[in-house]
Every structure is written in C-alpha cells, then in structure tokens.
Protein backbone atom coordinates (compact mmCIF):
# COMPACT_ATOMS: atom_id res chain seq x y z
CA MET A 1 2.74 9.69 -61.41
CA ARG A 2 4.78 11.23 -58.63
CA ASP A 3 2.42 14.25 -58.43
CA ALA A 4 -0.63 11.94 -58.31
CA PHE A 5 0.98 9.85 -55.55
CA SER A 6 1.83 12.97 -53.52
CA LYS A 7 -1.74 14.22 -53.90
CA ARG A 8 -3.12 10.89 -52.62
CA MET A 9 -0.72 10.96 -49.65
CA ARG A 10 -1.79 14.51 -48.71
CA THR A 11 -5.42 13.41 -48.90
CA CYS A 12 -4.77 10.40 -46.63
CA ILE A 13 -2.86 12.48 -44.11
CA GLY A 14 -5.68 15.01 -44.02
CA MET A 15 -8.26 12.27 -43.45
CA LEU A 16 -6.18 10.76 -40.63
CA ALA A 17 -5.87 14.16 -38.99
CA MET A 18 -9.64 14.70 -39.11
CA LEU A 19 -10.21 11.17 -37.73
CA GLY A 20 -7.82 11.85 -34.87
CA ALA A 21 -9.62 15.07 -34.03
CA ALA A 22 -12.91 13.20 -33.92
CA LEU A 23 -11.68 10.52 -31.49
CA PRO A 24 -12.34 11.03 -27.76
CA ALA A 25 -9.49 12.34 -25.65
CA GLN A 26 -7.28 9.72 -24.02
CA ALA A 27 -8.42 8.78 -20.51
CA ALA A 28 -6.70 10.71 -17.77
CA ASP A 29 -4.62 8.40 -15.57
CA LEU A 30 -4.61 9.09 -11.85
CA ILE A 31 -1.55 7.37 -10.41
CA VAL A 32 -1.93 6.27 -6.79
CA SER A 33 1.10 4.89 -4.95
CA ALA A 34 -0.07 2.98 -1.90
CA ALA A 35 1.22 0.64 0.79
CA SER A 36 1.04 -3.04 -0.16
CA SER A 37 -1.54 -3.74 2.54
CA LEU A 38 -4.01 -1.44 0.76
CA SER A 39 -3.93 -3.27 -2.57
CA ASN A 40 -7.13 -5.33 -2.30
CA ALA A 41 -9.24 -2.53 -0.81
CA PHE A 42 -8.03 0.13 -3.23
CA ARG A 43 -8.62 -2.11 -6.23
CA GLU A 44 -12.20 -2.53 -5.06
CA LEU A 45 -12.59 1.27 -4.95
CA ALA A 46 -11.42 1.70 -8.55
CA PRO A 47 -14.69 0.93 -10.43
CA ALA A 48 -16.71 3.36 -8.28
CA PHE A 49 -14.11 6.09 -8.78
CA GLU A 50 -13.93 5.65 -12.54
CA ALA A 51 -17.73 5.54 -12.83
CA ALA A 52 -18.02 8.79 -10.88
CA ASN A 53 -15.30 10.43 -12.98
CA PRO A 54 -15.96 9.55 -16.65
CA GLY A 55 -12.86 9.57 -18.82
CA SER A 56 -10.56 8.90 -15.88
CA ARG A 57 -8.62 5.75 -15.13
CA LEU A 58 -6.93 4.71 -11.91
CA ALA A 59 -3.41 3.30 -12.07
CA PHE A 60 -2.04 1.77 -8.86
CA ASN A 61 1.50 1.24 -7.71
CA PHE A 62 1.73 -0.94 -4.57
CA ALA A 63 4.93 -1.45 -2.58
CA ALA A 64 6.43 -0.83 0.85
CA SER A 65 5.79 2.78 1.84
CA ASP A 66 9.48 3.69 2.04
CA THR A 67 10.00 2.34 -1.48
CA LEU A 68 7.14 4.49 -2.76
CA LEU A 69 8.67 7.57 -1.16
CA THR A 70 12.03 6.85 -2.80
CA GLN A 71 10.31 6.53 -6.18
CA ILE A 72 8.57 9.89 -5.77
CA ALA A 73 11.80 11.55 -4.62
CA ASN A 74 13.45 10.22 -7.78
CA GLY A 75 10.81 11.79 -10.00
CA ALA A 76 8.20 9.05 -10.44
CA PRO A 77 4.97 10.60 -11.82
CA VAL A 78 2.60 10.04 -8.90
CA ASP A 79 -0.57 11.92 -7.95
CA VAL A 80 -1.52 10.42 -4.58
CA LEU A 81 0.57 8.77 -1.86
CA ALA A 82 -1.04 6.55 0.79
CA SER A 83 1.47 5.21 3.32
CA ALA A 84 1.18 2.75 6.19
CA ASP A 85 2.72 4.99 8.82
CA GLU A 86 3.30 8.62 9.73
CA VAL A 87 7.09 8.30 9.43
CA VAL A 88 7.03 8.07 5.64
CA MET A 89 4.53 10.90 5.28
CA ASP A 90 6.54 13.13 7.64
CA ARG A 91 9.64 12.53 5.51
CA ALA A 92 7.70 13.34 2.36
CA VAL A 93 6.43 16.61 3.84
CA ALA A 94 9.92 17.55 5.06
CA ALA A 95 11.26 16.96 1.54
CA HIS A 96 8.47 19.14 0.04
CA LEU A 97 7.16 16.19 -1.96
CA LEU A 98 3.53 16.56 -0.88
CA ASN A 99 0.76 19.10 -0.61
CA PRO A 100 0.66 19.20 3.22
CA GLU A 101 -2.84 20.73 3.32
CA SER A 102 -4.23 17.61 1.62
CA ARG A 103 -2.80 15.19 4.19
CA ARG A 104 -5.30 13.13 6.17
CA ASP A 105 -5.23 10.01 8.34
CA PHE A 106 -7.88 8.02 6.51
CA ILE A 107 -7.83 4.51 8.03
CA GLY A 108 -6.17 2.42 10.74
CA ASN A 109 -5.03 -1.16 11.22
CA SER A 110 -3.83 -3.60 13.85
CA MET A 111 -0.55 -5.48 14.12
CA VAL A 112 -0.88 -9.22 14.71
CA LEU A 113 1.43 -12.18 15.12
CA ILE A 114 0.49 -15.06 12.85
CA THR A 115 1.58 -18.68 12.53
CA PRO A 116 1.02 -21.27 9.79
CA HIS A 117 -2.53 -22.62 9.97
CA ASP A 118 -1.39 -26.17 10.66
CA SER A 119 1.11 -25.17 13.36
CA SER A 120 0.63 -26.74 16.80
CA ARG A 121 2.83 -24.10 18.44
CA VAL A 122 1.01 -21.99 21.05
CA LEU A 123 2.11 -18.35 21.21
CA ARG A 124 0.22 -16.02 23.55
CA SER A 125 2.59 -13.09 23.98
CA LEU A 126 5.80 -11.66 22.55
CA PRO A 127 8.09 -13.36 25.11
CA ASP A 128 6.83 -16.71 23.81
CA LEU A 129 8.91 -16.01 20.69
CA LEU A 130 11.99 -16.69 22.84
CA ASN A 131 11.07 -20.37 23.05
CA GLY A 132 13.70 -22.61 21.56
CA GLY A 133 11.21 -24.09 19.11
CA VAL A 134 10.76 -20.70 17.43
CA THR A 135 13.76 -20.29 15.15
CA ARG A 136 12.48 -18.10 12.30
CA VAL A 137 10.33 -14.98 12.70
CA ALA A 138 9.27 -12.98 9.64
CA LEU A 139 8.89 -9.22 9.72
CA GLY A 140 9.31 -6.32 7.36
CA ARG A 141 12.76 -4.79 7.30
CA PRO A 142 12.43 -1.95 9.86
CA ALA A 143 14.59 0.44 7.87
CA SER A 144 12.23 0.35 4.90
CA VAL A 145 8.88 -1.24 5.85
CA PRO A 146 6.39 0.39 8.25
CA ALA A 147 5.09 -2.99 9.47
CA GLY A 148 8.66 -3.86 10.41
CA ARG A 149 9.01 -0.61 12.34
CA TYR A 150 5.81 -1.29 14.28
CA ALA A 151 7.03 -4.80 15.09
CA GLN A 152 10.52 -3.69 16.11
CA SER A 153 9.09 -0.99 18.35
CA ALA A 154 6.80 -3.48 20.09
CA LEU A 155 9.68 -5.94 20.55
CA ASN A 156 11.89 -3.17 21.92
CA ALA A 157 9.16 -2.22 24.40
CA ALA A 158 9.01 -5.87 25.48
CA GLY A 159 12.80 -5.85 25.92
CA ILE A 160 13.41 -8.73 23.51
CA TRP A 161 14.32 -7.09 20.18
CA LYS A 162 17.95 -8.25 20.24
CA GLN A 163 16.98 -11.88 20.78
CA ILE A 164 14.32 -11.82 18.06
CA GLU A 165 16.63 -9.96 15.67
CA ALA A 166 18.82 -13.07 15.62
CA LYS A 167 15.80 -15.08 14.41
CA ALA A 168 14.51 -12.50 11.96
CA ILE A 169 13.68 -13.32 8.36
CA TYR A 170 13.21 -9.96 6.67
CA ALA A 171 10.56 -9.27 4.05
CA GLN A 172 10.49 -6.48 1.46
CA ASN A 173 6.85 -5.69 2.29
CA VAL A 174 4.09 -7.00 4.54
CA ARG A 175 2.55 -9.22 1.85
CA GLN A 176 5.84 -11.06 1.43
CA CYS A 177 5.88 -11.62 5.17
CA LEU A 178 2.37 -13.05 4.94
CA ASP A 179 3.51 -15.41 2.17
CA TYR A 180 6.46 -16.66 4.23
CA VAL A 181 4.09 -17.70 7.02
CA ALA A 182 1.43 -19.12 4.67
CA ARG A 183 4.03 -21.36 3.02
CA GLY A 184 5.36 -22.55 6.38
CA GLU A 185 8.81 -21.14 5.72
CA VAL A 186 8.89 -19.42 9.13
CA ASP A 187 7.46 -20.23 12.56
CA ALA A 188 5.69 -16.90 13.00
CA GLY A 189 5.41 -13.48 11.42
CA PHE A 190 4.26 -9.92 12.04
CA VAL A 191 1.60 -8.61 9.66
CA TYR A 192 -1.40 -6.32 9.76
CA GLY A 193 -4.78 -7.65 10.79
CA SER A 194 -6.10 -6.84 7.32
CA ASP A 195 -3.43 -9.05 5.75
CA ALA A 196 -4.06 -11.99 8.07
CA ALA A 197 -7.74 -11.86 7.05
CA LEU A 198 -6.78 -12.60 3.43
CA MET A 199 -5.64 -16.16 4.16
CA PRO A 200 -7.76 -17.58 7.00
CA ASP A 201 -7.24 -21.09 5.67
CA ARG A 202 -3.44 -20.79 5.56
CA VAL A 203 -2.51 -18.63 8.56
CA LYS A 204 -3.97 -18.09 12.01
CA VAL A 205 -3.69 -15.14 14.37
CA ALA A 206 -1.83 -16.03 17.56
CA PHE A 207 -2.53 -12.66 19.21
CA VAL A 208 -2.87 -8.95 18.58
CA VAL A 209 0.39 -7.08 19.14
CA ARG A 210 0.23 -3.98 21.30
CA THR A 211 2.09 -1.32 19.31
CA THR A 212 3.76 1.69 20.90
CA SER A 213 1.88 4.00 18.50
CA PRO A 214 -1.41 3.51 16.65
CA VAL A 215 -1.22 1.96 13.18
CA ARG A 216 -2.55 4.81 11.05
CA TYR A 217 -2.51 5.34 7.29
CA PRO A 218 -2.09 8.91 6.00
CA ILE A 219 -2.93 9.96 2.44
CA ALA A 220 -1.99 13.13 0.52
CA ILE A 221 -1.64 14.69 -2.92
CA VAL A 222 1.89 14.62 -4.33
CA ALA A 223 3.42 18.01 -5.08
CA GLY A 224 3.41 18.82 -8.78
CA SER A 225 0.52 16.47 -9.58
CA ALA A 226 -1.05 17.31 -12.93
CA ASN A 227 -4.39 15.91 -11.70
CA ILE A 228 -5.01 17.76 -8.45
CA ARG A 229 -8.80 17.74 -8.74
CA LEU A 230 -8.93 14.03 -9.52
CA ALA A 231 -6.43 13.34 -6.75
CA GLN A 232 -8.64 15.14 -4.24
CA ARG A 233 -11.66 13.22 -5.47
CA PHE A 234 -9.86 9.93 -4.80
CA ILE A 235 -9.02 11.07 -1.28
CA ASP A 236 -12.64 12.14 -0.83
CA LEU A 237 -13.77 8.66 -1.91
CA ALA A 238 -11.36 6.89 0.44
CA THR A 239 -12.60 8.99 3.37
CA SER A 240 -16.30 8.83 2.43
CA PRO A 241 -18.73 6.46 4.20
CA ALA A 242 -18.73 4.23 1.09
CA GLY A 243 -14.94 4.15 0.91
CA GLN A 244 -14.60 3.51 4.64
CA ALA A 245 -17.09 0.65 4.38
CA VAL A 246 -14.88 -1.03 1.76
CA LEU A 247 -11.76 -0.58 3.88
CA LEU A 248 -13.45 -1.90 7.02
CA ARG A 249 -14.70 -4.91 5.10
CA HIS A 250 -11.07 -5.68 4.20
CA GLY A 251 -10.04 -5.79 7.86
CA PHE A 252 -8.98 -2.20 8.49
CA VAL A 253 -10.17 -0.21 11.50
CA PRO A 254 -11.32 3.41 11.89
CA PRO A 255 -8.40 5.87 12.09
C-alpha cells in the first residue's frame, strides 16, 4: 500500500511540474514611484503601456516626492522615479540612487492658491493672505513636500513667510492639501494647477502663484533596476506626443 501511494504521489508531482512548465511566465512588474500629483495621469497611461509591452504590468506607488526618495534609499524595489521638483532628483543623483543618464524633465505645472468653492473671500495676491479673516492656510510641509517648498519660496519672496507660517496647516502631500480646501477645513491652500482642475465644483482658483523657479517634473531610472528596458520604455511613453497629450489634458504644462 505504501509503495502504491508513493508511486501515485510521484506521478502527481511530475504532472504538476509539467503543468507549471506549460503555464506562461508571470507578468513582469514595472514599479513606478511618482509624485502624488501625477497619479491620475499616470494611471491613464498604464493601459497603453501594458498593451505595447505584452506580459508586463505597471505597479504605481504615489506619495510626496521626498517620501519616495526615502523609500528608495531604504531599499524599496523601484524601477522609475518621477518627482515633482529638481531638489529630490538632485538628492537621488548625489546618493547614487539613479541612473543619471536617464534623467529628463518630462512635464511642468503651475502653483495656484485655491479657496473652497463656496467661499466669498476675495484673494488676488499673496499679501491678501495677511487679512485677519484668513486664519488657516494649507500647504505641503516644506521639508518633505515639493509643493510646500514652492509655496514657501514664493511667500519668502513676497516677504510674508513668517506671518503665513503662523497660519499654516501642513499636509503630507499636495492631494491632502487639496482635500483640506475642498472640505472647507482651511480658508485657502497651495496646490498645483493640475490638482485644482480635479475638483472644479469644490474648489476655485484665486490666482496663479509666481514661483521663484519653474515647477518641473524630472523622471529617471532607479539604479539597480531589474527592468531597465521596460523602465526606459515607460519614460519614452511619458515623453512621447501621446504621453504628453495625456498629461496636458490633466492640467500639466510643457516642461
């Protein structure tokens, strides 16, 4: 009995092995870590990328750019990094975390000040934020969110950062800042133009903020990526006319 059972087990194992060999290889995951503001546009690019690269699958990780860099520095398996400012990408290059030859500025954005859609408050320039009726201003934390750095730099240039800092409600990323304004939890907030366009019925743009440096998004292949060819193909798609059309439709601007 025992010998017959062992024989049946060996037969089953052999059949399972042959079945496994006949199955298609598991889809290759390309892991793209990207700034939160890119989430809608990049998700729209995914079907075209996967159709053009059969057997591949895109996996996205969206967060504040500084958070993404920390994850990569700590060993997160990432193939492509797309950040919302040059500061993060410069740090990544200095830490030898990227393939510097693959780096490109692939799209741009604008910084805007938004208010809740039903707000009657009129804000036309940054000094208007000093009005007594403005008590809470949302922005990304400058130490870890590019949108917060752009906002802080603009407020510094206007000579009012210290006063606004006392009113600041910090967000972990630009989408959280957008949510604060949309829910009416703050009087105003700094977000990208592409983010404001997501909720036209819940927020309104008070004015475009003049930043001290252009809002540009760099993209690059992460050092040690096991999918270099696929990673380059994703960058090629993002910079192609078709990819740029998707990004522009989501409120971004040419780099």
